[in-house]
C-alpha atoms as a PDB file:
ATOM      1  CA  UNK A   1      16.806 -14.814 -17.032  1.00  0.00           C
ATOM      2  CA  UNK A   2      14.918 -18.450 -16.203  1.00  0.00           C
ATOM      3  CA  UNK A   3      17.256 -21.130 -18.308  1.00  0.00           C
ATOM      4  CA  UNK A   4      15.681 -23.674 -19.692  1.00  0.00           C
ATOM      5  CA  UNK A   5      17.103 -27.273 -19.392  1.00  0.00           C
ATOM      6  CA  UNK A   6      18.680 -28.571 -22.493  1.00  0.00           C
ATOM      7  CA  UNK A   7      17.186 -32.389 -24.153  1.00  0.00           C
ATOM      8  CA  UNK A   8      20.029 -33.765 -26.380  1.00  0.00           C
ATOM      9  CA  UNK A   9      19.386 -37.254 -27.958  1.00  0.00           C
ATOM     10  CA  UNK A  10      22.230 -39.501 -29.200  1.00  0.00           C
ATOM     11  CA  UNK A  11      23.052 -42.834 -30.465  1.00  0.00           C
ATOM     12  CA  UNK A  12      25.692 -44.269 -32.236  1.00  0.00           C
ATOM     13  CA  UNK A  13      27.456 -41.101 -33.757  1.00  0.00           C
ATOM     14  CA  UNK A  14      30.287 -40.284 -32.034  1.00  0.00           C
ATOM     15  CA  UNK A  15      31.776 -37.822 -34.094  1.00  0.00           C
ATOM     16  CA  UNK A  16      28.444 -36.368 -35.266  1.00  0.00           C
ATOM     17  CA  UNK A  17      27.557 -36.147 -31.008  1.00  0.00           C
ATOM     18  CA  UNK A  18      31.262 -34.598 -30.444  1.00  0.00           C
ATOM     19  CA  UNK A  19      30.894 -31.806 -33.287  1.00  0.00           C
ATOM     20  CA  UNK A  20      27.082 -31.144 -31.539  1.00  0.00           C
ATOM     21  CA  UNK A  21      28.335 -30.911 -28.587  1.00  0.00           C
ATOM     22  CA  UNK A  22      31.119 -28.591 -28.847  1.00  0.00           C
ATOM     23  CA  UNK A  23      29.141 -26.091 -30.828  1.00  0.00           C
ATOM     24  CA  UNK A  24      26.611 -26.005 -28.044  1.00  0.00           C
ATOM     25  CA  UNK A  25      28.882 -26.080 -25.149  1.00  0.00           C
ATOM     26  CA  UNK A  26      30.403 -22.379 -26.877  1.00  0.00           C
ATOM     27  CA  UNK A  27      27.455 -20.605 -25.771  1.00  0.00           C
ATOM     28  CA  UNK A  28      27.974 -18.676 -23.009  1.00  0.00           C
ATOM     29  CA  UNK A  29      25.199 -19.725 -20.985  1.00  0.00           C
ATOM     30  CA  UNK A  30      26.232 -23.786 -21.565  1.00  0.00           C
ATOM     31  CA  UNK A  31      28.164 -23.446 -17.742  1.00  0.00           C
ATOM     32  CA  UNK A  32      24.583 -22.402 -16.345  1.00  0.00           C
ATOM     33  CA  UNK A  33      21.909 -25.052 -18.409  1.00  0.00           C
ATOM     34  CA  UNK A  34      21.374 -28.566 -17.581  1.00  0.00           C
ATOM     35  CA  UNK A  35      21.941 -30.673 -20.026  1.00  0.00           C
ATOM     36  CA  UNK A  36      20.249 -34.221 -19.896  1.00  0.00           C
ATOM     37  CA  UNK A  37      21.399 -36.409 -22.038  1.00  0.00           C
ATOM     38  CA  UNK A  38      19.269 -39.685 -23.479  1.00  0.00           C
ATOM     39  CA  UNK A  39      21.201 -42.104 -25.147  1.00  0.00           C
ATOM     40  CA  UNK A  40      19.376 -45.054 -26.856  1.00  0.00           C
ATOM     41  CA  UNK A  41      20.222 -48.427 -26.550  1.00  0.00           C
ATOM     42  CA  UNK A  42      22.264 -50.889 -29.131  1.00  0.00           C
ATOM     43  CA  UNK A  43      20.726 -53.277 -31.801  1.00  0.00           C
ATOM     44  CA  UNK A  44      23.159 -55.386 -31.865  1.00  0.00           C
ATOM     45  CA  UNK A  45      26.645 -56.150 -31.231  1.00  0.00           C
ATOM     46  CA  UNK A  46      28.457 -54.253 -33.362  1.00  0.00           C
ATOM     47  CA  UNK A  47      26.252 -51.171 -32.755  1.00  0.00           C
ATOM     48  CA  UNK A  48      27.435 -51.136 -29.142  1.00  0.00           C
ATOM     49  CA  UNK A  49      30.774 -49.998 -29.301  1.00  0.00           C
ATOM     50  CA  UNK A  50      29.684 -46.828 -31.217  1.00  0.00           C
ATOM     51  CA  UNK A  51      27.074 -46.603 -27.547  1.00  0.00           C
ATOM     52  CA  UNK A  52      30.522 -46.535 -25.884  1.00  0.00           C
ATOM     53  CA  UNK A  53      32.194 -44.352 -27.729  1.00  0.00           C
ATOM     54  CA  UNK A  54      29.539 -42.114 -27.910  1.00  0.00           C
ATOM     55  CA  UNK A  55      29.183 -41.995 -24.408  1.00  0.00           C
ATOM     56  CA  UNK A  56      32.740 -41.372 -23.646  1.00  0.00           C
ATOM     57  CA  UNK A  57      32.266 -38.472 -25.673  1.00  0.00           C
ATOM     58  CA  UNK A  58      29.300 -37.267 -23.970  1.00  0.00           C
ATOM     59  CA  UNK A  59      31.226 -37.556 -20.435  1.00  0.00           C
ATOM     60  CA  UNK A  60      34.195 -35.635 -21.927  1.00  0.00           C
ATOM     61  CA  UNK A  61      31.334 -32.288 -21.520  1.00  0.00           C
ATOM     62  CA  UNK A  62      30.519 -32.657 -18.255  1.00  0.00           C
ATOM     63  CA  UNK A  63      32.627 -29.831 -16.920  1.00  0.00           C
ATOM     64  CA  UNK A  64      31.212 -27.340 -19.651  1.00  0.00           C
ATOM     65  CA  UNK A  65      28.001 -27.789 -18.560  1.00  0.00           C
ATOM     66  CA  UNK A  66      25.845 -26.994 -14.910  1.00  0.00           C
ATOM     67  CA  UNK A  67      24.689 -30.362 -14.821  1.00  0.00           C
ATOM     68  CA  UNK A  68      25.454 -33.405 -17.480  1.00  0.00           C
ATOM     69  CA  UNK A  69      23.003 -35.883 -16.669  1.00  0.00           C
ATOM     70  CA  UNK A  70      22.829 -39.069 -19.170  1.00  0.00           C
ATOM     71  CA  UNK A  71      20.118 -41.927 -19.127  1.00  0.00           C
ATOM     72  CA  UNK A  72      21.469 -44.186 -20.639  1.00  0.00           C
ATOM     73  CA  UNK A  73      18.659 -47.306 -21.965  1.00  0.00           C
ATOM     74  CA  UNK A  74      19.983 -51.398 -21.757  1.00  0.00           C
ATOM     75  CA  UNK A  75      18.515 -51.699 -25.434  1.00  0.00           C
ATOM     76  CA  UNK A  76      16.857 -50.138 -28.614  1.00  0.00           C
ATOM     77  CA  UNK A  77      14.000 -48.799 -27.692  1.00  0.00           C
ATOM     78  CA  UNK A  78      14.148 -46.695 -31.239  1.00  0.00           C
ATOM     79  CA  UNK A  79      14.033 -43.325 -31.847  1.00  0.00           C
ATOM     80  CA  UNK A  80      10.378 -42.504 -31.254  1.00  0.00           C
ATOM     81  CA  UNK A  81       9.802 -43.982 -28.122  1.00  0.00           C
ATOM     82  CA  UNK A  82      13.561 -42.831 -26.854  1.00  0.00           C
ATOM     83  CA  UNK A  83      12.361 -38.669 -28.003  1.00  0.00           C
ATOM     84  CA  UNK A  84       8.918 -39.068 -26.949  1.00  0.00           C
ATOM     85  CA  UNK A  85       9.765 -40.413 -23.372  1.00  0.00           C
ATOM     86  CA  UNK A  86      13.087 -38.301 -22.987  1.00  0.00           C
ATOM     87  CA  UNK A  87      11.007 -35.038 -23.984  1.00  0.00           C
ATOM     88  CA  UNK A  88       7.802 -36.076 -21.247  1.00  0.00           C
ATOM     89  CA  UNK A  89       9.967 -37.055 -18.643  1.00  0.00           C
ATOM     90  CA  UNK A  90      12.085 -33.637 -18.704  1.00  0.00           C
ATOM     91  CA  UNK A  91       8.410 -31.487 -19.643  1.00  0.00           C
ATOM     92  CA  UNK A  92       6.757 -32.757 -16.434  1.00  0.00           C
ATOM     93  CA  UNK A  93       9.487 -31.702 -14.647  1.00  0.00           C
ATOM     94  CA  UNK A  94      10.551 -28.539 -15.781  1.00  0.00           C
ATOM     95  CA  UNK A  95       7.923 -27.517 -17.659  1.00  0.00           C
ATOM     96  CA  UNK A  96       9.998 -25.962 -20.875  1.00  0.00           C
ATOM     97  CA  UNK A  97      13.322 -27.465 -22.572  1.00  0.00           C
ATOM     98  CA  UNK A  98      15.402 -26.696 -25.714  1.00  0.00           C
ATOM     99  CA  UNK A  99      15.759 -30.300 -27.679  1.00  0.00           C
ATOM    100  CA  UNK A 100      18.300 -31.495 -29.598  1.00  0.00           C
ATOM    101  CA  UNK A 101      19.671 -34.308 -31.504  1.00  0.00           C
ATOM    102  CA  UNK A 102      22.966 -35.375 -32.156  1.00  0.00           C
ATOM    103  CA  UNK A 103      23.506 -33.952 -35.852  1.00  0.00           C
ATOM    104  CA  UNK A 104      22.428 -30.176 -35.023  1.00  0.00           C
ATOM    105  CA  UNK A 105      25.124 -27.604 -34.753  1.00  0.00           C
ATOM    106  CA  UNK A 106      24.325 -24.691 -32.847  1.00  0.00           C
ATOM    107  CA  UNK A 107      25.677 -21.342 -33.351  1.00  0.00           C
ATOM    108  CA  UNK A 108      27.389 -19.644 -30.357  1.00  0.00           C
ATOM    109  CA  UNK A 109      24.152 -17.285 -29.322  1.00  0.00           C
ATOM    110  CA  UNK A 110      21.654 -20.403 -29.791  1.00  0.00           C
ATOM    111  CA  UNK A 111      20.956 -20.637 -25.880  1.00  0.00           C
ATOM    112  CA  UNK A 112      20.936 -16.798 -25.566  1.00  0.00           C
ATOM    113  CA  UNK A 113      18.091 -16.934 -28.392  1.00  0.00           C
ATOM    114  CA  UNK A 114      15.984 -20.070 -27.180  1.00  0.00           C
ATOM    115  CA  UNK A 115      16.030 -18.977 -23.719  1.00  0.00           C
ATOM    116  CA  UNK A 116      14.606 -15.251 -24.661  1.00  0.00           C
ATOM    117  CA  UNK A 117      11.681 -17.470 -26.904  1.00  0.00           C
ATOM    118  CA  UNK A 118      10.904 -19.304 -24.257  1.00  0.00           C
ATOM    119  CA  UNK A 119      10.706 -16.966 -21.919  1.00  0.00           C
ATOM    120  CA  UNK A 120       8.803 -14.587 -23.722  1.00  0.00           C
END
């Protein structure tokens, strides 16, 4: 089976991110999947601290996936631009992807289902 890369968008919610990545990493295909994370930058100093915490959470999952590639935005580019540029970059390189945000908690069979659907 050809596995689709996973694109994951995060911002300033370390607890949401941890919950989402924990659920995703429980999928049997997680260790074989490439995870591309796009972390938007802060709008202010208060958000900078939360984003730093979110980055720590993301990096703590590096051993749960085949590859974890983190793209950090130096400043806040906004939700729309972060999503559009992230999806465009990965789709242009890989032709297909599974796309998630930091507040989505998936089932343990999610990656099997999505890869089957995308391969079909």
